[in-house]
Amino acid sequence: MGLNLPPPPKKGLDIIRDALGSLVTQPESAAYAMAAEGTENIVTAAPHKIYFVGLEDIAAGRVLSAARFVGWRYIILSRDDPRAAAELSVDDSGGNLEFSQVNQGPYVGSTIEGFSFAEGLDEVQTNDYEVRLIKIPALYIIGLWLHGQAGEDLIIPLPPTRPELHPLTTYSEEDFKAAIQGAAARRLEFDETEQS
């Protein structure tokens, strides 16, 4: 029982290494900053799937059923310190793996916090969960989605998050939807008003 990560794609790590190798020569990139400190202690860890949910789906009351698999994310560590996240994109069939981006920022460290929080949950001690990342960019939400094998799903918003949500707290899909559906509807209204 516990947290599980699905087997990553076979070529994923090679694609990331090649991309980072070309980025270390670009001073504005996260890879350049890490390479300046030395590459001997840099490793990738915890590859997990990325799922995307659109604003219209949230406003219509769909969350996990509307989540679309869009890629893979690897945490890049330097001496056990989370430094960046490298992402690979996939096409609609889940294939055609390509390098997407490497990023730094608060969600890199909060992902590790989220993993630690999730490992301590009573539900995780008694059930198996696949760890996924869920992104709702229109609402500035990133969270861990613990996909239960028995259909029991939990969502853990990562900090920083919206004021309607409490970071590093477990939500059922219904509670998560109830917390953010109004914000999604207001954002859609605002977007439509701006366009007209």
Protein backbone atom coordinates (compact mmCIF):
# COMPACT_ATOMS: atom_id res chain seq x y z
CA MET A 1 0.00 0.00 0.00
CA GLY A 2 1.19 3.51 -0.67
CA LEU A 3 2.09 5.93 -3.44
CA ASN A 4 2.99 4.59 -6.85
CA LEU A 5 4.58 6.20 -9.87
CA PRO A 6 3.86 4.63 -13.25
CA PRO A 7 6.86 3.43 -15.26
CA PRO A 8 8.19 6.45 -17.18
CA PRO A 9 8.58 6.34 -20.95
CA LYS A 10 11.75 4.54 -22.04
CA LYS A 11 13.18 7.48 -24.00
CA GLY A 12 12.06 10.16 -21.52
CA LEU A 13 15.30 10.52 -19.62
CA ASP A 14 17.37 10.62 -22.81
CA ILE A 15 15.18 13.40 -24.22
CA ILE A 16 15.57 15.40 -21.01
CA ARG A 17 19.35 14.91 -20.92
CA ASP A 18 19.69 16.04 -24.54
CA ALA A 19 17.52 19.11 -23.94
CA LEU A 20 19.33 20.10 -20.75
CA GLY A 21 22.66 19.61 -22.52
CA SER A 22 21.69 22.17 -25.14
CA LEU A 23 20.20 24.56 -22.55
CA VAL A 24 23.33 24.75 -20.37
CA THR A 25 24.85 27.14 -22.91
CA GLN A 26 21.96 29.62 -22.61
CA PRO A 27 22.54 31.98 -19.66
CA GLU A 28 18.82 32.71 -19.18
CA SER A 29 17.90 29.04 -18.70
CA ALA A 30 17.43 27.14 -15.44
CA ALA A 31 19.80 24.47 -16.76
CA TYR A 32 22.60 27.05 -17.11
CA ALA A 33 22.27 28.08 -13.45
CA MET A 34 22.37 24.48 -12.26
CA ALA A 35 25.33 23.60 -14.47
CA ALA A 36 27.28 26.54 -13.04
CA GLU A 37 27.19 24.78 -9.67
CA GLY A 38 28.47 21.52 -11.18
CA THR A 39 26.58 18.70 -12.81
CA GLU A 40 28.01 15.76 -10.88
CA ASN A 41 25.28 15.89 -8.21
CA ILE A 42 22.30 16.54 -10.50
CA VAL A 43 19.76 13.73 -10.79
CA THR A 44 16.18 13.37 -11.98
CA ALA A 45 13.57 11.86 -9.70
CA ALA A 46 9.88 11.04 -9.31
CA PRO A 47 8.68 11.00 -12.93
CA HIS A 48 4.93 11.52 -12.91
CA LYS A 49 2.16 12.10 -15.44
CA ILE A 50 0.72 15.58 -16.08
CA TYR A 51 -3.01 16.08 -16.60
CA PHE A 52 -4.69 19.28 -17.83
CA VAL A 53 -8.20 20.51 -17.04
CA GLY A 54 -9.72 23.48 -18.86
CA LEU A 55 -11.72 26.35 -17.43
CA GLU A 56 -14.91 25.42 -19.29
CA ASP A 57 -14.83 21.92 -17.80
CA ILE A 58 -14.44 23.23 -14.25
CA ALA A 59 -17.30 25.73 -14.74
CA ALA A 60 -19.48 22.88 -16.04
CA GLY A 61 -18.72 20.76 -12.99
CA ARG A 62 -16.23 18.35 -14.57
CA VAL A 63 -12.83 17.86 -13.00
CA LEU A 64 -11.15 14.46 -13.07
CA SER A 65 -13.44 13.05 -15.76
CA ALA A 66 -12.28 15.89 -18.02
CA ALA A 67 -8.58 15.63 -17.13
CA ARG A 68 -6.49 15.08 -20.24
CA PHE A 69 -3.07 13.38 -20.14
CA VAL A 70 -0.62 15.88 -21.65
CA GLY A 71 2.87 14.82 -20.58
CA TRP A 72 5.44 13.74 -18.04
CA ARG A 73 7.25 15.76 -15.38
CA TYR A 74 10.58 14.93 -13.72
CA ILE A 75 11.93 16.70 -10.64
CA ILE A 76 15.58 17.71 -11.00
CA LEU A 77 17.56 17.49 -7.77
CA SER A 78 20.97 18.84 -6.88
CA ARG A 79 22.32 17.20 -3.73
CA ASP A 80 18.75 16.19 -2.76
CA ASP A 81 17.62 19.82 -3.14
CA PRO A 82 14.73 20.24 -5.65
CA ARG A 83 15.97 22.75 -8.21
CA ALA A 84 13.76 22.49 -11.29
CA ALA A 85 11.18 20.42 -13.12
CA ALA A 86 11.62 19.14 -16.67
CA GLU A 87 8.49 18.44 -18.69
CA LEU A 88 7.84 16.31 -21.73
CA SER A 89 4.70 16.70 -23.84
CA VAL A 90 2.70 13.95 -25.54
CA ASP A 91 0.13 14.05 -28.32
CA ASP A 92 -3.54 13.10 -27.92
CA SER A 93 -2.71 9.40 -28.21
CA GLY A 94 -0.12 9.64 -25.41
CA GLY A 95 2.76 9.19 -27.85
CA ASN A 96 5.24 11.41 -29.73
CA LEU A 97 7.19 12.36 -26.64
CA GLU A 98 8.92 15.76 -26.96
CA PHE A 99 10.78 18.08 -24.62
CA SER A 100 8.47 20.87 -23.48
CA GLN A 101 10.20 22.97 -20.82
CA VAL A 102 12.37 23.14 -17.76
CA ASN A 103 11.15 25.45 -15.03
CA GLN A 104 12.02 26.62 -11.57
CA GLY A 105 9.79 28.25 -9.03
CA PRO A 106 7.63 27.46 -6.03
CA TYR A 107 5.88 24.40 -7.50
CA VAL A 108 9.13 22.45 -7.71
CA GLY A 109 9.68 22.47 -3.96
CA SER A 110 5.98 22.25 -3.14
CA THR A 111 5.74 19.07 -5.24
CA ILE A 112 8.23 17.43 -2.90
CA GLU A 113 6.26 18.80 0.08
CA GLY A 114 3.11 17.35 -1.47
CA PHE A 115 4.72 13.92 -1.82
CA SER A 116 5.80 14.00 1.84
CA PHE A 117 2.34 15.11 2.96
CA ALA A 118 0.65 12.40 0.88
CA GLU A 119 2.92 9.64 2.25
CA GLY A 120 1.66 10.41 5.76
CA LEU A 121 -2.05 10.16 4.94
CA ASP A 122 -4.06 7.36 6.56
CA GLU A 123 -5.68 6.62 3.19
CA VAL A 124 -2.25 6.06 1.63
CA GLN A 125 -1.30 3.66 4.42
CA THR A 126 -4.28 1.44 3.60
CA ASN A 127 -4.73 1.88 -0.18
CA ASP A 128 -2.66 2.20 -3.36
CA TYR A 129 -2.61 5.50 -5.23
CA GLU A 130 -0.96 6.52 -8.48
CA VAL A 131 0.55 9.99 -8.14
CA ARG A 132 -0.32 12.40 -10.96
CA LEU A 133 0.03 16.15 -11.40
CA ILE A 134 -3.11 18.09 -12.26
CA LYS A 135 -2.86 21.55 -13.84
CA ILE A 136 -5.65 24.09 -14.15
CA PRO A 137 -3.66 27.02 -15.55
CA ALA A 138 -6.62 29.36 -16.09
CA LEU A 139 -7.17 29.33 -12.31
CA TYR A 140 -3.45 29.15 -11.37
CA ILE A 141 -3.91 25.76 -9.71
CA ILE A 142 -1.41 22.92 -9.62
CA GLY A 143 -2.00 19.92 -7.43
CA LEU A 144 -1.21 16.30 -6.83
CA TRP A 145 -3.94 13.92 -7.95
CA LEU A 146 -3.84 10.66 -6.02
CA HIS A 147 -5.66 8.27 -8.30
CA GLY A 148 -7.00 5.39 -6.26
CA GLN A 149 -7.13 1.91 -7.69
CA ALA A 150 -10.58 1.42 -6.16
CA GLY A 151 -11.93 4.66 -7.65
CA GLU A 152 -11.12 6.72 -4.56
CA ASP A 153 -9.37 9.87 -5.78
CA LEU A 154 -7.84 12.65 -3.70
CA ILE A 155 -6.58 16.06 -4.81
CA ILE A 156 -3.89 17.96 -2.89
CA PRO A 157 -3.45 21.61 -3.96
CA LEU A 158 0.21 22.65 -3.99
CA PRO A 159 1.25 26.03 -2.62
CA PRO A 160 0.86 28.72 -3.75
CA THR A 161 -2.79 28.25 -4.62
CA ARG A 162 -6.07 30.12 -4.85
CA PRO A 163 -7.69 31.54 -1.69
CA GLU A 164 -10.63 29.15 -2.13
CA LEU A 165 -8.28 26.22 -1.52
CA HIS A 166 -6.05 25.22 1.37
CA PRO A 167 -2.62 24.03 0.23
CA LEU A 168 -1.40 20.60 1.30
CA THR A 169 -4.91 19.52 2.29
CA THR A 170 -6.80 16.57 0.84
CA TYR A 171 -9.95 17.18 -1.17
CA SER A 172 -12.39 14.73 -2.64
CA GLU A 173 -13.27 15.53 -6.25
CA GLU A 174 -16.66 16.87 -5.12
CA ASP A 175 -15.17 19.16 -2.47
CA PHE A 176 -12.48 20.37 -4.86
CA LYS A 177 -15.07 21.12 -7.54
CA ALA A 178 -17.31 22.93 -5.04
CA ALA A 179 -14.39 25.12 -3.94
CA ILE A 180 -13.38 26.31 -7.43
CA GLN A 181 -16.43 26.03 -9.70
CA GLY A 182 -17.63 29.54 -8.85
CA ALA A 183 -14.20 31.01 -9.56
CA ALA A 184 -14.17 29.26 -12.94
CA ALA A 185 -17.61 30.62 -13.85
CA ARG A 186 -16.58 34.17 -12.86
CA ARG A 187 -13.38 33.91 -14.90
CA LEU A 188 -15.33 32.73 -17.96
CA GLU A 189 -17.77 35.63 -17.56
CA PHE A 190 -14.89 38.06 -17.30
CA ASP A 191 -13.20 36.59 -20.39
CA GLU A 192 -16.42 36.83 -22.41
CA THR A 193 -16.96 40.43 -21.29
CA GLU A 194 -13.39 41.32 -22.30
CA GLN A 195 -13.86 39.80 -25.73
CA SER A 196 -17.07 41.71 -26.42
